[in-house]
Amino acid sequence: MANDINDLVKFYEHIENVVENETKLQDSLKVVTLFRVALELAAKDMGLVKASYLMARLQHVSLGTSLGMEDDFSGILEELCTKKPTIN
């Protein structure tokens, strides 16, 4: 997972740079666009219901962190980076 984390950090920094350099749009409009792209990508990967559940989990962690709770995204990242066999 270490390589995955390094790649994620690089990807995050790249996206952050692209968003910051776009000066014609309000930040709130950028957020809506990024959320839509994220939901569409996740839905292709895991289906809309699971993607919506993932978004809710991300929101839960964000709210908890802002309330001072010891929570972070590492558990979600670890779960998503770990390939689990499916049983049919």
C-alpha atoms as a PDB file:
ATOM      1  CA  MET A   1       0.000   0.000   0.000  1.00  0.00           C
ATOM      2  CA  ALA A   2       3.002   2.337   0.424  1.00  0.00           C
ATOM      3  CA  ASN A   3       3.331   2.794  -3.345  1.00  0.00           C
ATOM      4  CA  ASP A   4      -0.404   3.374  -3.577  1.00  0.00           C
ATOM      5  CA  ILE A   5      -0.183   6.118  -0.925  1.00  0.00           C
ATOM      6  CA  ASN A   6       2.734   7.814  -2.705  1.00  0.00           C
ATOM      7  CA  ASP A   7       0.803   7.705  -5.969  1.00  0.00           C
ATOM      8  CA  LEU A   8      -2.293   9.084  -4.223  1.00  0.00           C
ATOM      9  CA  VAL A   9      -0.305  11.947  -2.720  1.00  0.00           C
ATOM     10  CA  LYS A  10       1.119  12.819  -6.147  1.00  0.00           C
ATOM     11  CA  PHE A  11      -2.343  12.610  -7.710  1.00  0.00           C
ATOM     12  CA  TYR A  12      -3.830  14.775  -4.940  1.00  0.00           C
ATOM     13  CA  GLU A  13      -1.115  17.397  -5.399  1.00  0.00           C
ATOM     14  CA  HIS A  14      -1.664  17.379  -9.170  1.00  0.00           C
ATOM     15  CA  ILE A  15      -5.436  17.848  -8.841  1.00  0.00           C
ATOM     16  CA  GLU A  16      -4.959  20.522  -6.176  1.00  0.00           C
ATOM     17  CA  ASN A  17      -2.615  22.394  -8.519  1.00  0.00           C
ATOM     18  CA  VAL A  18      -5.056  22.189 -11.432  1.00  0.00           C
ATOM     19  CA  VAL A  19      -7.920  23.450  -9.263  1.00  0.00           C
ATOM     20  CA  GLU A  20      -5.904  26.299  -7.749  1.00  0.00           C
ATOM     21  CA  ASN A  21      -4.716  27.464 -11.164  1.00  0.00           C
ATOM     22  CA  GLU A  22      -8.269  27.672 -12.494  1.00  0.00           C
ATOM     23  CA  THR A  23      -9.128  31.250 -11.564  1.00  0.00           C
ATOM     24  CA  LYS A  24     -12.210  31.870 -13.709  1.00  0.00           C
ATOM     25  CA  LEU A  25     -14.547  29.753 -11.569  1.00  0.00           C
ATOM     26  CA  GLN A  26     -15.736  30.232  -8.011  1.00  0.00           C
ATOM     27  CA  ASP A  27     -14.389  27.660  -5.567  1.00  0.00           C
ATOM     28  CA  SER A  28     -17.927  26.418  -4.819  1.00  0.00           C
ATOM     29  CA  LEU A  29     -18.456  25.669  -8.522  1.00  0.00           C
ATOM     30  CA  LYS A  30     -15.151  23.804  -8.607  1.00  0.00           C
ATOM     31  CA  VAL A  31     -16.334  21.714  -5.648  1.00  0.00           C
ATOM     32  CA  VAL A  32     -19.558  20.763  -7.410  1.00  0.00           C
ATOM     33  CA  THR A  33     -17.592  19.796 -10.514  1.00  0.00           C
ATOM     34  CA  LEU A  34     -15.028  17.752  -8.558  1.00  0.00           C
ATOM     35  CA  PHE A  35     -17.782  16.007  -6.606  1.00  0.00           C
ATOM     36  CA  ARG A  36     -19.615  15.120  -9.824  1.00  0.00           C
ATOM     37  CA  VAL A  37     -16.447  13.757 -11.430  1.00  0.00           C
ATOM     38  CA  ALA A  38     -15.630  11.777  -8.278  1.00  0.00           C
ATOM     39  CA  LEU A  39     -19.124  10.307  -8.067  1.00  0.00           C
ATOM     40  CA  GLU A  40     -19.159   9.384 -11.759  1.00  0.00           C
ATOM     41  CA  LEU A  41     -15.752   7.675 -11.517  1.00  0.00           C
ATOM     42  CA  ALA A  42     -16.670   5.824  -8.341  1.00  0.00           C
ATOM     43  CA  ALA A  43     -20.018   4.746  -9.799  1.00  0.00           C
ATOM     44  CA  LYS A  44     -18.244   3.244 -12.824  1.00  0.00           C
ATOM     45  CA  ASP A  45     -15.919   1.368 -10.490  1.00  0.00           C
ATOM     46  CA  MET A  46     -18.322   0.194  -7.780  1.00  0.00           C
ATOM     47  CA  GLY A  47     -21.843   1.132  -8.806  1.00  0.00           C
ATOM     48  CA  LEU A  48     -23.875   4.164  -7.788  1.00  0.00           C
ATOM     49  CA  VAL A  49     -25.148   2.846  -4.459  1.00  0.00           C
ATOM     50  CA  LYS A  50     -21.687   1.878  -3.166  1.00  0.00           C
ATOM     51  CA  ALA A  51     -20.254   5.130  -4.543  1.00  0.00           C
ATOM     52  CA  SER A  52     -22.910   7.106  -2.664  1.00  0.00           C
ATOM     53  CA  TYR A  53     -22.117   5.125   0.475  1.00  0.00           C
ATOM     54  CA  LEU A  54     -18.423   5.965   0.024  1.00  0.00           C
ATOM     55  CA  MET A  55     -19.262   9.669  -0.301  1.00  0.00           C
ATOM     56  CA  ALA A  56     -21.297   9.475   2.910  1.00  0.00           C
ATOM     57  CA  ARG A  57     -18.355   7.851   4.710  1.00  0.00           C
ATOM     58  CA  LEU A  58     -16.020  10.580   3.469  1.00  0.00           C
ATOM     59  CA  GLN A  59     -18.458  13.213   4.692  1.00  0.00           C
ATOM     60  CA  HIS A  60     -18.734  11.450   8.060  1.00  0.00           C
ATOM     61  CA  VAL A  61     -14.945  11.468   8.538  1.00  0.00           C
ATOM     62  CA  SER A  62     -14.749  15.120   7.469  1.00  0.00           C
ATOM     63  CA  LEU A  63     -17.428  16.157   9.955  1.00  0.00           C
ATOM     64  CA  GLY A  64     -15.859  14.097  12.729  1.00  0.00           C
ATOM     65  CA  THR A  65     -12.453  15.625  12.117  1.00  0.00           C
ATOM     66  CA  SER A  66     -13.904  19.135  12.186  1.00  0.00           C
ATOM     67  CA  LEU A  67     -15.487  18.289  15.560  1.00  0.00           C
ATOM     68  CA  GLY A  68     -12.104  17.257  16.927  1.00  0.00           C
ATOM     69  CA  MET A  69     -12.743  13.523  16.805  1.00  0.00           C
ATOM     70  CA  GLU A  70      -9.771  11.298  16.062  1.00  0.00           C
ATOM     71  CA  ASP A  71     -10.763  10.088  12.644  1.00  0.00           C
ATOM     72  CA  ASP A  72      -9.066  10.127   9.270  1.00  0.00           C
ATOM     73  CA  PHE A  73      -9.311   8.754   5.766  1.00  0.00           C
ATOM     74  CA  SER A  74      -6.632   6.087   6.217  1.00  0.00           C
ATOM     75  CA  GLY A  75      -9.133   3.337   7.051  1.00  0.00           C
ATOM     76  CA  ILE A  76     -11.174   4.090   3.961  1.00  0.00           C
ATOM     77  CA  LEU A  77      -8.046   4.239   1.793  1.00  0.00           C
ATOM     78  CA  GLU A  78      -6.730   0.984   3.230  1.00  0.00           C
ATOM     79  CA  GLU A  79     -10.043  -0.751   2.573  1.00  0.00           C
ATOM     80  CA  LEU A  80     -10.183   0.500  -1.013  1.00  0.00           C
ATOM     81  CA  CYS A  81      -6.530  -0.346  -1.736  1.00  0.00           C
ATOM     82  CA  THR A  82      -6.889  -3.904  -0.453  1.00  0.00           C
ATOM     83  CA  LYS A  83      -8.147  -6.261  -3.097  1.00  0.00           C
ATOM     84  CA  LYS A  84     -10.648  -8.679  -1.611  1.00  0.00           C
ATOM     85  CA  PRO A  85     -11.670 -11.829  -3.424  1.00  0.00           C
ATOM     86  CA  THR A  86     -15.320 -12.018  -4.304  1.00  0.00           C
ATOM     87  CA  ILE A  87     -17.282 -15.198  -3.756  1.00  0.00           C
ATOM     88  CA  ASN A  88     -19.936 -15.974  -6.352  1.00  0.00           C
END
